[in-house]
């Protein structure tokens, strides 16, 4: 069954209910459907497998989890979810490869590529908003440049003292002001790197 943006003219609540009902019906009847949408949340809610298209080419065909946590291309990484790229360097530490970033060291040798994957280990690391936690006790600080209220949370756009911009989700009871410096720290389970962009 082909469904080409069937919910595009509906309000958010009705769209979410219909998406849930449609998924239930398709699963119960064993029906395969190709669902076309520009809404990422809709795709995540409905799809067992999602294809991301760019300029007429299929960039990645994968589960929603893999698309988000292990994007195959820089385009997919930028297109899915809230993310930025930070300059980084991969080096060998005592326990294996690790990544030095403006926010500190990422120590996850199971996911980290070897330094030889990039010239001099220089790369860009994908930082998702949920990889960066608000932590008042952290020595790393970010200055709030923008904030978007989302009900249960804010999406803060922060500028580090080193100049890089990062994003973080912060529970909405932490209502900080624009221009305020807040403590942040990395907590990453998935290390995704790409060649350094100029």
N, C-alpha and C. Protein backbone atom coordinates (compact mmCIF):
# COMPACT_ATOMS: atom_id res chain seq x y z
N UNK A 1 0.84 -1.18 0.00
CA UNK A 1 0.00 0.00 0.00
C UNK A 1 0.89 1.24 0.00
N UNK A 2 0.61 2.20 -0.86
CA UNK A 2 1.35 3.45 -0.92
C UNK A 2 0.53 4.54 -0.24
N UNK A 3 1.16 5.20 0.73
CA UNK A 3 0.53 6.29 1.46
C UNK A 3 1.42 7.52 1.30
N UNK A 4 0.95 8.51 0.54
CA UNK A 4 1.76 9.69 0.24
C UNK A 4 1.29 10.87 1.09
N UNK A 5 1.97 11.10 2.20
CA UNK A 5 1.68 12.17 3.14
C UNK A 5 0.18 12.29 3.47
N UNK A 6 -0.45 11.19 3.93
CA UNK A 6 -1.89 11.22 4.16
C UNK A 6 -2.33 12.09 5.34
N UNK A 7 -1.40 12.41 6.26
CA UNK A 7 -1.79 13.16 7.46
C UNK A 7 -1.35 14.62 7.41
N UNK A 8 -0.86 15.08 6.27
CA UNK A 8 -0.21 16.40 6.22
C UNK A 8 -1.13 17.56 6.57
N UNK A 9 -2.44 17.43 6.35
CA UNK A 9 -3.35 18.55 6.62
C UNK A 9 -4.06 18.43 7.97
N UNK A 10 -3.64 17.47 8.79
CA UNK A 10 -4.30 17.24 10.07
C UNK A 10 -3.56 17.92 11.21
N UNK A 11 -4.30 18.24 12.30
CA UNK A 11 -3.64 18.83 13.46
C UNK A 11 -2.81 17.76 14.17
N UNK A 12 -1.91 18.18 15.05
CA UNK A 12 -0.91 17.30 15.64
C UNK A 12 -1.53 16.15 16.42
N UNK A 13 -2.52 16.44 17.26
CA UNK A 13 -3.13 15.38 18.09
C UNK A 13 -3.79 14.32 17.23
N UNK A 14 -4.58 14.75 16.24
CA UNK A 14 -5.26 13.80 15.37
C UNK A 14 -4.24 13.00 14.55
N UNK A 15 -3.19 13.66 14.09
CA UNK A 15 -2.15 12.99 13.32
C UNK A 15 -1.49 11.88 14.14
N UNK A 16 -1.17 12.18 15.41
CA UNK A 16 -0.54 11.17 16.27
C UNK A 16 -1.47 9.99 16.52
N UNK A 17 -2.75 10.27 16.77
CA UNK A 17 -3.72 9.17 17.00
C UNK A 17 -3.87 8.30 15.76
N UNK A 18 -4.01 8.95 14.60
CA UNK A 18 -4.18 8.19 13.36
C UNK A 18 -2.93 7.38 13.02
N UNK A 19 -1.76 7.95 13.27
CA UNK A 19 -0.51 7.22 13.01
C UNK A 19 -0.45 5.96 13.87
N UNK A 20 -0.82 6.07 15.14
CA UNK A 20 -0.84 4.91 16.04
C UNK A 20 -1.85 3.87 15.55
N UNK A 21 -3.06 4.33 15.20
CA UNK A 21 -4.10 3.41 14.73
C UNK A 21 -3.69 2.74 13.42
N UNK A 22 -3.11 3.51 12.50
CA UNK A 22 -2.68 2.95 11.22
C UNK A 22 -1.62 1.88 11.42
N UNK A 23 -0.65 2.14 12.27
CA UNK A 23 0.41 1.16 12.53
C UNK A 23 -0.20 -0.13 13.10
N UNK A 24 -1.13 0.01 14.02
CA UNK A 24 -1.79 -1.16 14.62
C UNK A 24 -2.51 -1.98 13.56
N UNK A 25 -3.26 -1.31 12.68
CA UNK A 25 -4.01 -1.99 11.62
C UNK A 25 -3.06 -2.70 10.66
N UNK A 26 -2.01 -2.01 10.24
CA UNK A 26 -1.05 -2.62 9.31
C UNK A 26 -0.39 -3.85 9.91
N UNK A 27 -0.05 -3.77 11.19
CA UNK A 27 0.58 -4.92 11.87
C UNK A 27 -0.39 -6.09 12.00
N UNK A 28 -1.62 -5.79 12.38
CA UNK A 28 -2.62 -6.85 12.57
C UNK A 28 -2.97 -7.55 11.27
N UNK A 29 -2.97 -6.82 10.17
CA UNK A 29 -3.35 -7.41 8.89
C UNK A 29 -2.15 -7.92 8.10
N UNK A 30 -0.95 -7.66 8.60
CA UNK A 30 0.25 -8.10 7.90
C UNK A 30 0.46 -7.38 6.58
N UNK A 31 0.00 -6.13 6.50
CA UNK A 31 0.08 -5.35 5.28
C UNK A 31 1.39 -4.56 5.23
N UNK A 32 2.07 -4.63 4.11
CA UNK A 32 3.27 -3.82 3.89
C UNK A 32 2.85 -2.50 3.29
N UNK A 33 3.36 -1.41 3.84
CA UNK A 33 3.01 -0.09 3.34
C UNK A 33 4.27 0.73 3.13
N UNK A 34 4.25 1.54 2.09
CA UNK A 34 5.29 2.53 1.84
C UNK A 34 4.68 3.88 2.16
N UNK A 35 5.22 4.53 3.19
CA UNK A 35 4.64 5.76 3.72
C UNK A 35 5.61 6.90 3.43
N UNK A 36 5.15 7.90 2.67
CA UNK A 36 5.99 9.04 2.30
C UNK A 36 5.66 10.20 3.23
N UNK A 37 6.70 10.77 3.86
CA UNK A 37 6.48 11.90 4.76
C UNK A 37 7.74 12.75 4.84
N UNK A 38 7.55 14.02 5.19
CA UNK A 38 8.66 14.92 5.50
C UNK A 38 8.79 15.10 7.01
N UNK A 39 7.88 14.51 7.77
CA UNK A 39 7.85 14.64 9.22
C UNK A 39 8.63 13.50 9.86
N UNK A 40 9.77 13.82 10.48
CA UNK A 40 10.62 12.78 11.06
C UNK A 40 9.92 12.02 12.18
N UNK A 41 9.19 12.75 13.03
CA UNK A 41 8.51 12.08 14.15
C UNK A 41 7.45 11.10 13.64
N UNK A 42 6.78 11.47 12.57
CA UNK A 42 5.80 10.59 11.95
C UNK A 42 6.48 9.35 11.41
N UNK A 43 7.62 9.52 10.75
CA UNK A 43 8.37 8.39 10.22
C UNK A 43 8.83 7.47 11.35
N UNK A 44 9.35 8.05 12.43
CA UNK A 44 9.80 7.25 13.57
C UNK A 44 8.65 6.48 14.20
N UNK A 45 7.47 7.11 14.29
CA UNK A 45 6.32 6.47 14.93
C UNK A 45 5.77 5.32 14.09
N UNK A 46 5.86 5.42 12.77
CA UNK A 46 5.23 4.43 11.90
C UNK A 46 6.18 3.38 11.35
N UNK A 47 7.42 3.76 11.09
CA UNK A 47 8.28 2.91 10.29
C UNK A 47 9.07 1.86 11.05
N UNK A 48 9.07 0.64 10.53
CA UNK A 48 10.01 -0.38 10.99
C UNK A 48 11.37 -0.12 10.35
N UNK A 49 11.34 0.32 9.09
CA UNK A 49 12.53 0.68 8.34
C UNK A 49 12.24 2.00 7.65
N UNK A 50 13.24 2.89 7.65
CA UNK A 50 13.07 4.22 7.06
C UNK A 50 14.16 4.44 6.02
N UNK A 51 13.75 5.00 4.90
CA UNK A 51 14.70 5.40 3.88
C UNK A 51 14.81 6.92 3.85
N UNK A 52 16.03 7.43 3.87
CA UNK A 52 16.25 8.87 3.80
C UNK A 52 16.75 9.18 2.39
N UNK A 53 16.00 10.02 1.68
CA UNK A 53 16.33 10.39 0.31
C UNK A 53 16.97 11.78 0.29
N UNK A 54 17.94 11.94 -0.62
CA UNK A 54 18.57 13.25 -0.81
C UNK A 54 18.94 13.39 -2.27
N UNK A 55 18.39 14.42 -2.91
CA UNK A 55 18.64 14.70 -4.32
C UNK A 55 18.45 13.45 -5.20
N UNK A 56 17.36 12.74 -4.94
CA UNK A 56 16.99 11.59 -5.74
C UNK A 56 17.74 10.31 -5.42
N UNK A 57 18.61 10.33 -4.42
CA UNK A 57 19.38 9.13 -4.06
C UNK A 57 19.02 8.69 -2.64
N UNK A 58 19.06 7.38 -2.44
CA UNK A 58 18.79 6.83 -1.12
C UNK A 58 20.07 6.89 -0.29
N UNK A 59 20.08 7.72 0.74
CA UNK A 59 21.27 7.90 1.58
C UNK A 59 21.43 6.76 2.59
N UNK A 60 20.30 6.32 3.17
CA UNK A 60 20.36 5.23 4.15
C UNK A 60 18.99 4.59 4.26
N UNK A 61 19.00 3.27 4.41
CA UNK A 61 17.78 2.46 4.58
C UNK A 61 18.01 1.64 5.83
N UNK A 62 17.33 2.00 6.93
CA UNK A 62 17.67 1.39 8.21
C UNK A 62 16.54 1.57 9.21
N UNK A 63 16.71 1.00 10.39
CA UNK A 63 15.74 1.17 11.47
C UNK A 63 15.82 2.61 11.99
N UNK A 64 14.76 3.11 12.60
CA UNK A 64 14.83 4.45 13.18
C UNK A 64 15.99 4.61 14.16
N UNK A 65 16.23 3.59 14.97
CA UNK A 65 17.33 3.64 15.96
C UNK A 65 18.67 3.82 15.27
N UNK A 66 18.93 3.04 14.23
CA UNK A 66 20.21 3.12 13.52
C UNK A 66 20.36 4.46 12.79
N UNK A 67 19.28 4.95 12.19
CA UNK A 67 19.34 6.24 11.52
C UNK A 67 19.76 7.34 12.49
N UNK A 68 19.22 7.30 13.69
CA UNK A 68 19.49 8.35 14.67
C UNK A 68 20.89 8.19 15.29
N UNK A 69 21.22 6.98 15.71
CA UNK A 69 22.45 6.77 16.46
C UNK A 69 23.66 6.40 15.60
N UNK A 70 23.43 5.88 14.40
CA UNK A 70 24.54 5.49 13.53
C UNK A 70 24.27 5.93 12.08
N UNK A 71 24.14 7.24 11.88
CA UNK A 71 23.88 7.72 10.51
C UNK A 71 25.05 7.37 9.59
N UNK A 72 24.72 6.92 8.38
CA UNK A 72 25.75 6.48 7.44
C UNK A 72 26.45 7.63 6.73
N UNK A 73 25.77 8.77 6.61
CA UNK A 73 26.35 9.91 5.91
C UNK A 73 26.14 11.18 6.72
N UNK A 74 26.89 12.17 6.39
CA UNK A 74 26.77 13.47 7.06
C UNK A 74 25.37 14.06 6.84
N UNK A 75 24.82 13.88 5.63
CA UNK A 75 23.48 14.40 5.36
C UNK A 75 22.46 13.78 6.30
N UNK A 76 22.49 12.47 6.47
CA UNK A 76 21.54 11.79 7.36
C UNK A 76 21.73 12.29 8.79
N UNK A 77 22.98 12.44 9.21
CA UNK A 77 23.27 12.92 10.56
C UNK A 77 22.66 14.30 10.80
N UNK A 78 22.75 15.18 9.80
CA UNK A 78 22.19 16.53 9.93
C UNK A 78 20.67 16.53 9.82
N UNK A 79 20.15 15.66 8.98
CA UNK A 79 18.72 15.66 8.69
C UNK A 79 17.89 15.06 9.83
N UNK A 80 18.42 14.05 10.49
CA UNK A 80 17.68 13.35 11.53
C UNK A 80 18.04 13.93 12.90
N UNK A 81 17.07 14.47 13.60
CA UNK A 81 17.29 14.96 14.96
C UNK A 81 18.06 16.27 15.02
N UNK A 82 18.30 16.74 16.24
CA UNK A 82 19.06 17.97 16.46
C UNK A 82 20.51 17.62 16.68
N UNK A 83 21.38 18.21 15.86
CA UNK A 83 22.79 17.84 15.96
C UNK A 83 23.68 18.96 15.44
N UNK A 84 24.91 18.92 15.91
CA UNK A 84 25.97 19.78 15.37
C UNK A 84 27.20 18.90 15.20
N UNK A 85 28.18 19.43 14.48
CA UNK A 85 29.46 18.74 14.32
C UNK A 85 30.53 19.59 14.99
N UNK A 86 31.37 18.96 15.78
CA UNK A 86 32.44 19.66 16.46
C UNK A 86 33.78 19.13 15.97
N UNK A 87 34.78 20.00 15.84
CA UNK A 87 36.11 19.51 15.46
C UNK A 87 36.66 18.62 16.57
N UNK A 88 37.30 17.54 16.18
CA UNK A 88 37.80 16.57 17.17
C UNK A 88 39.08 15.93 16.64
N UNK A 89 39.76 15.24 17.54
CA UNK A 89 40.94 14.47 17.16
C UNK A 89 40.89 13.13 17.86
N UNK A 90 41.08 12.07 17.09
CA UNK A 90 41.13 10.72 17.64
C UNK A 90 42.59 10.40 17.95
N UNK A 91 42.82 9.93 19.16
CA UNK A 91 44.17 9.54 19.56
C UNK A 91 44.10 8.18 20.24
N UNK A 92 45.23 7.55 20.42
CA UNK A 92 45.28 6.29 21.16
C UNK A 92 45.53 6.61 22.64
N UNK A 93 44.63 6.15 23.47
CA UNK A 93 44.77 6.27 24.92
C UNK A 93 45.21 4.91 25.46
N UNK A 94 45.44 4.81 26.74
CA UNK A 94 45.93 3.57 27.35
C UNK A 94 44.98 2.40 27.11
N UNK A 95 43.69 2.68 27.05
CA UNK A 95 42.67 1.63 26.92
C UNK A 95 42.14 1.49 25.49
N UNK A 96 42.66 2.28 24.55
CA UNK A 96 42.20 2.21 23.17
C UNK A 96 41.99 3.60 22.60
N UNK A 97 41.34 3.71 21.44
CA UNK A 97 41.12 5.02 20.84
C UNK A 97 40.15 5.87 21.65
N UNK A 98 40.40 7.16 21.68
CA UNK A 98 39.48 8.09 22.33
C UNK A 98 39.45 9.38 21.50
N UNK A 99 38.43 10.19 21.72
CA UNK A 99 38.20 11.37 20.91
C UNK A 99 38.30 12.61 21.80
N UNK A 100 39.18 13.53 21.43
CA UNK A 100 39.27 14.82 22.12
C UNK A 100 38.36 15.81 21.43
N UNK A 101 37.47 16.45 22.20
CA UNK A 101 36.52 17.43 21.67
C UNK A 101 36.59 18.69 22.51
N UNK A 102 35.97 19.79 22.05
CA UNK A 102 35.94 21.02 22.86
C UNK A 102 35.21 20.83 24.20
N UNK A 103 34.40 19.78 24.33
CA UNK A 103 33.67 19.53 25.57
C UNK A 103 34.37 18.50 26.46
N UNK A 104 35.50 18.00 26.03
CA UNK A 104 36.20 16.99 26.80
C UNK A 104 36.43 15.74 25.98
N UNK A 105 36.87 14.70 26.66
CA UNK A 105 37.24 13.46 25.99
C UNK A 105 36.07 12.49 25.93
N UNK A 106 35.88 11.88 24.77
CA UNK A 106 34.91 10.80 24.60
C UNK A 106 35.68 9.50 24.69
N UNK A 107 35.33 8.72 25.66
CA UNK A 107 36.06 7.49 25.93
C UNK A 107 35.12 6.30 25.70
N UNK A 108 35.07 5.84 24.47
CA UNK A 108 34.18 4.72 24.13
C UNK A 108 34.88 3.89 23.05
N UNK A 109 35.91 3.11 23.44
CA UNK A 109 36.73 2.43 22.43
C UNK A 109 35.97 1.43 21.57
N UNK A 110 34.83 0.94 22.03
CA UNK A 110 34.06 -0.03 21.22
C UNK A 110 33.46 0.62 19.98
N UNK A 111 33.16 1.91 20.06
CA UNK A 111 32.52 2.60 18.95
C UNK A 111 33.48 3.52 18.20
N UNK A 112 34.58 3.86 18.81
CA UNK A 112 35.47 4.87 18.25
C UNK A 112 36.35 4.29 17.15
N UNK A 113 36.46 5.00 16.01
CA UNK A 113 37.38 4.54 14.97
C UNK A 113 38.83 4.73 15.42
N UNK A 114 39.73 4.09 14.73
CA UNK A 114 41.15 4.26 15.02
C UNK A 114 41.62 5.62 14.49
N UNK A 115 42.67 6.18 15.10
CA UNK A 115 43.18 7.48 14.63
C UNK A 115 43.56 7.46 13.15
N UNK A 116 43.97 6.31 12.65
CA UNK A 116 44.39 6.22 11.25
C UNK A 116 43.22 6.37 10.26
N UNK A 117 41.99 6.40 10.76
CA UNK A 117 40.83 6.55 9.88
C UNK A 117 40.80 7.93 9.22
N UNK A 118 41.48 8.91 9.82
CA UNK A 118 41.49 10.28 9.31
C UNK A 118 42.93 10.82 9.36
N UNK A 119 43.28 11.76 8.47
CA UNK A 119 44.62 12.33 8.51
C UNK A 119 44.92 12.96 9.87
N UNK A 120 45.98 12.50 10.52
CA UNK A 120 46.36 12.97 11.85
C UNK A 120 45.25 12.81 12.89
N UNK A 121 44.30 11.92 12.61
CA UNK A 121 43.19 11.69 13.53
C UNK A 121 42.19 12.83 13.58
N UNK A 122 42.34 13.83 12.69
CA UNK A 122 41.47 15.01 12.68
C UNK A 122 40.14 14.67 12.02
N UNK A 123 39.05 14.95 12.71
CA UNK A 123 37.72 14.62 12.18
C UNK A 123 36.69 15.59 12.76
N UNK A 124 35.45 15.40 12.38
CA UNK A 124 34.32 16.07 13.01
C UNK A 124 33.52 15.00 13.72
N UNK A 125 33.11 15.29 14.95
CA UNK A 125 32.31 14.34 15.72
C UNK A 125 30.87 14.86 15.79
N UNK A 126 29.93 13.96 15.64
CA UNK A 126 28.51 14.29 15.71
C UNK A 126 28.10 14.42 17.18
N UNK A 127 27.56 15.57 17.54
CA UNK A 127 27.07 15.79 18.90
C UNK A 127 25.57 16.06 18.83
N UNK A 128 24.79 15.14 19.34
CA UNK A 128 23.34 15.32 19.40
C UNK A 128 22.98 16.07 20.68
N UNK A 129 21.82 16.72 20.66
CA UNK A 129 21.39 17.49 21.82
C UNK A 129 21.27 16.60 23.07
N UNK A 130 20.93 15.32 22.87
CA UNK A 130 20.79 14.44 24.04
C UNK A 130 22.12 13.83 24.47
N UNK A 131 23.22 14.13 23.78
CA UNK A 131 24.56 13.71 24.21
C UNK A 131 25.16 14.70 25.21
N UNK A 132 24.55 15.87 25.34
CA UNK A 132 25.09 16.94 26.17
C UNK A 132 24.11 17.20 27.31
N UNK A 133 24.58 16.99 28.53
CA UNK A 133 23.73 17.12 29.70
C UNK A 133 24.02 18.41 30.46
N UNK A 134 22.97 19.00 30.99
CA UNK A 134 23.11 20.16 31.86
C UNK A 134 23.65 19.68 33.20
N UNK A 135 24.75 20.29 33.65
CA UNK A 135 25.40 19.88 34.90
C UNK A 135 26.05 21.11 35.52
N UNK A 136 25.42 21.65 36.56
CA UNK A 136 25.92 22.87 37.19
C UNK A 136 27.34 22.73 37.71
N UNK A 137 27.75 21.51 38.06
CA UNK A 137 29.08 21.29 38.63
C UNK A 137 30.18 21.08 37.58
N UNK A 138 29.81 21.04 36.31
CA UNK A 138 30.80 20.79 35.27
C UNK A 138 31.69 22.01 35.06
N UNK A 139 32.99 21.78 34.83
CA UNK A 139 33.87 22.91 34.53
C UNK A 139 33.66 23.46 33.11
N UNK A 140 33.02 22.68 32.24
CA UNK A 140 32.74 23.14 30.87
C UNK A 140 31.44 23.93 30.89
N UNK A 141 31.49 25.13 30.33
CA UNK A 141 30.32 26.02 30.34
C UNK A 141 29.93 26.40 28.92
N UNK A 142 28.65 26.66 28.74
CA UNK A 142 28.14 27.17 27.48
C UNK A 142 27.23 28.36 27.73
N UNK A 143 27.31 29.36 26.86
CA UNK A 143 26.47 30.56 26.99
C UNK A 143 25.22 30.39 26.14
N UNK A 144 24.06 30.61 26.73
CA UNK A 144 22.79 30.40 26.04
C UNK A 144 22.58 31.50 25.00
N UNK A 145 22.53 31.08 23.73
CA UNK A 145 22.28 32.01 22.63
C UNK A 145 20.83 32.00 22.19
N UNK A 146 20.21 30.83 22.23
CA UNK A 146 18.80 30.68 21.86
C UNK A 146 18.18 29.63 22.76
N UNK A 147 16.87 29.73 22.95
CA UNK A 147 16.17 28.68 23.67
C UNK A 147 14.78 28.53 23.09
N UNK A 148 14.36 27.27 22.97
CA UNK A 148 13.04 26.97 22.42
C UNK A 148 12.30 26.12 23.46
N UNK A 149 11.18 26.62 23.93
CA UNK A 149 10.37 25.90 24.91
C UNK A 149 9.60 24.79 24.22
N UNK A 150 9.67 23.58 24.75
CA UNK A 150 9.01 22.44 24.13
C UNK A 150 8.12 21.69 25.11
N UNK A 151 7.62 22.39 26.11
CA UNK A 151 6.76 21.75 27.10
C UNK A 151 7.58 21.15 28.22
N UNK A 152 7.96 19.90 28.09
CA UNK A 152 8.71 19.23 29.15
C UNK A 152 10.18 19.61 29.16
N UNK A 153 10.64 20.29 28.09
CA UNK A 153 12.06 20.62 28.01
C UNK A 153 12.28 21.88 27.19
N UNK A 154 13.47 22.44 27.35
CA UNK A 154 13.96 23.49 26.46
C UNK A 154 15.00 22.87 25.54
N UNK A 155 15.09 23.38 24.33
CA UNK A 155 16.22 23.11 23.46
C UNK A 155 17.07 24.36 23.49
N UNK A 156 18.22 24.26 24.17
CA UNK A 156 19.14 25.39 24.27
C UNK A 156 20.20 25.31 23.17
N UNK A 157 20.48 26.43 22.54
CA UNK A 157 21.63 26.58 21.66
C UNK A 157 22.69 27.32 22.47
N UNK A 158 23.85 26.68 22.64
CA UNK A 158 24.91 27.21 23.49
C UNK A 158 26.15 27.52 22.68
N UNK A 159 26.90 28.53 23.11
CA UNK A 159 28.19 28.86 22.52
C UNK A 159 29.26 28.60 23.58
N UNK A 160 30.23 27.76 23.23
CA UNK A 160 31.33 27.47 24.14
C UNK A 160 32.32 28.63 24.13
N UNK A 161 33.15 28.70 25.17
CA UNK A 161 34.19 29.74 25.23
C UNK A 161 35.15 29.62 24.06
N UNK A 162 35.31 28.39 23.52
CA UNK A 162 36.21 28.16 22.38
C UNK A 162 35.56 28.53 21.04
N UNK A 163 34.27 28.91 21.07
CA UNK A 163 33.60 29.38 19.87
C UNK A 163 32.63 28.40 19.23
N UNK A 164 32.74 27.11 19.57
CA UNK A 164 31.84 26.12 18.96
C UNK A 164 30.42 26.28 19.50
N UNK A 165 29.47 25.93 18.64
CA UNK A 165 28.06 25.95 19.03
C UNK A 165 27.58 24.52 19.24
N UNK A 166 26.82 24.30 20.32
CA UNK A 166 26.26 22.99 20.61
C UNK A 166 24.80 23.14 21.02
N UNK A 167 24.08 22.04 21.02
CA UNK A 167 22.68 22.01 21.41
C UNK A 167 22.52 21.07 22.60
N UNK A 168 21.56 21.36 23.45
CA UNK A 168 21.26 20.45 24.55
C UNK A 168 19.79 20.54 24.92
N UNK A 169 19.21 19.39 25.29
CA UNK A 169 17.86 19.35 25.85
C UNK A 169 17.98 19.49 27.36
N UNK A 170 17.22 20.40 27.94
CA UNK A 170 17.26 20.64 29.38
C UNK A 170 15.82 20.61 29.90
N UNK A 171 15.56 19.86 31.00
CA UNK A 171 14.20 19.85 31.56
C UNK A 171 13.69 21.27 31.76
N UNK A 172 12.40 21.49 31.50
CA UNK A 172 11.87 22.85 31.44
C UNK A 172 11.84 23.56 32.79
N UNK A 173 12.03 22.84 33.90
CA UNK A 173 12.10 23.56 35.18
C UNK A 173 13.46 24.26 35.36
N UNK A 174 14.40 24.02 34.45
CA UNK A 174 15.67 24.76 34.42
C UNK A 174 15.52 25.89 33.39
N UNK A 175 14.81 26.93 33.80
CA UNK A 175 14.50 28.04 32.90
C UNK A 175 15.57 29.12 33.01
N UNK A 176 16.66 28.94 32.26
CA UNK A 176 17.77 29.89 32.30
C UNK A 176 17.52 31.01 31.30
N UNK A 177 18.26 32.11 31.47
CA UNK A 177 18.08 33.30 30.64
C UNK A 177 19.07 33.33 29.48
N UNK A 178 18.69 33.99 28.41
CA UNK A 178 19.61 34.20 27.31
C UNK A 178 20.83 34.95 27.83
N UNK A 179 22.00 34.52 27.37
CA UNK A 179 23.24 35.14 27.83
C UNK A 179 23.84 34.48 29.05
N UNK A 180 23.08 33.65 29.73
CA UNK A 180 23.57 32.98 30.93
C UNK A 180 24.51 31.84 30.56
N UNK A 181 25.54 31.63 31.40
CA UNK A 181 26.46 30.51 31.22
C UNK A 181 26.00 29.35 32.10
N UNK A 182 25.87 28.16 31.50
CA UNK A 182 25.46 26.99 32.28
C UNK A 182 26.49 25.87 32.09
N UNK A 183 26.60 25.03 33.09
CA UNK A 183 27.52 23.90 33.02
C UNK A 183 26.95 22.77 32.19
N UNK A 184 27.81 22.14 31.37
CA UNK A 184 27.38 21.02 30.54
C UNK A 184 28.48 19.96 30.53
N UNK A 185 28.08 18.74 30.23
CA UNK A 185 29.05 17.65 30.10
C UNK A 185 28.55 16.65 29.06
N UNK A 186 29.52 15.94 28.48
CA UNK A 186 29.19 14.91 27.50
C UNK A 186 28.78 13.62 28.18
N UNK A 187 27.78 12.96 27.63
CA UNK A 187 27.45 11.59 27.99
C UNK A 187 27.00 10.89 26.72
N UNK A 188 27.97 10.24 26.06
CA UNK A 188 27.71 9.66 24.74
C UNK A 188 27.83 8.15 24.77
N UNK A 189 26.87 7.48 24.16
CA UNK A 189 26.93 6.03 24.00
C UNK A 189 27.34 5.65 22.57
N UNK A 190 27.16 6.57 21.62
CA UNK A 190 27.46 6.28 20.22
C UNK A 190 28.40 7.35 19.68
N UNK A 191 29.55 6.93 19.20
CA UNK A 191 30.53 7.86 18.65
C UNK A 191 30.44 7.80 17.12
N UNK A 192 30.06 8.92 16.52
CA UNK A 192 29.92 8.99 15.07
C UNK A 192 30.82 10.12 14.58
N UNK A 193 31.74 9.77 13.69
CA UNK A 193 32.69 10.75 13.17
C UNK A 193 32.63 10.80 11.65
N UNK A 194 33.03 11.96 11.11
CA UNK A 194 33.07 12.18 9.67
C UNK A 194 34.34 12.94 9.33
N UNK A 195 34.76 12.91 8.06
CA UNK A 195 35.92 13.71 7.67
C UNK A 195 35.73 15.17 8.02
N UNK A 196 36.81 15.82 8.41
CA UNK A 196 36.78 17.22 8.81
C UNK A 196 36.34 18.11 7.65
N UNK A 197 35.39 18.99 7.94
CA UNK A 197 34.96 19.98 6.95
C UNK A 197 35.70 21.28 7.24
N UNK A 198 36.04 22.01 6.19
CA UNK A 198 36.78 23.25 6.36
C UNK A 198 35.97 24.23 7.06
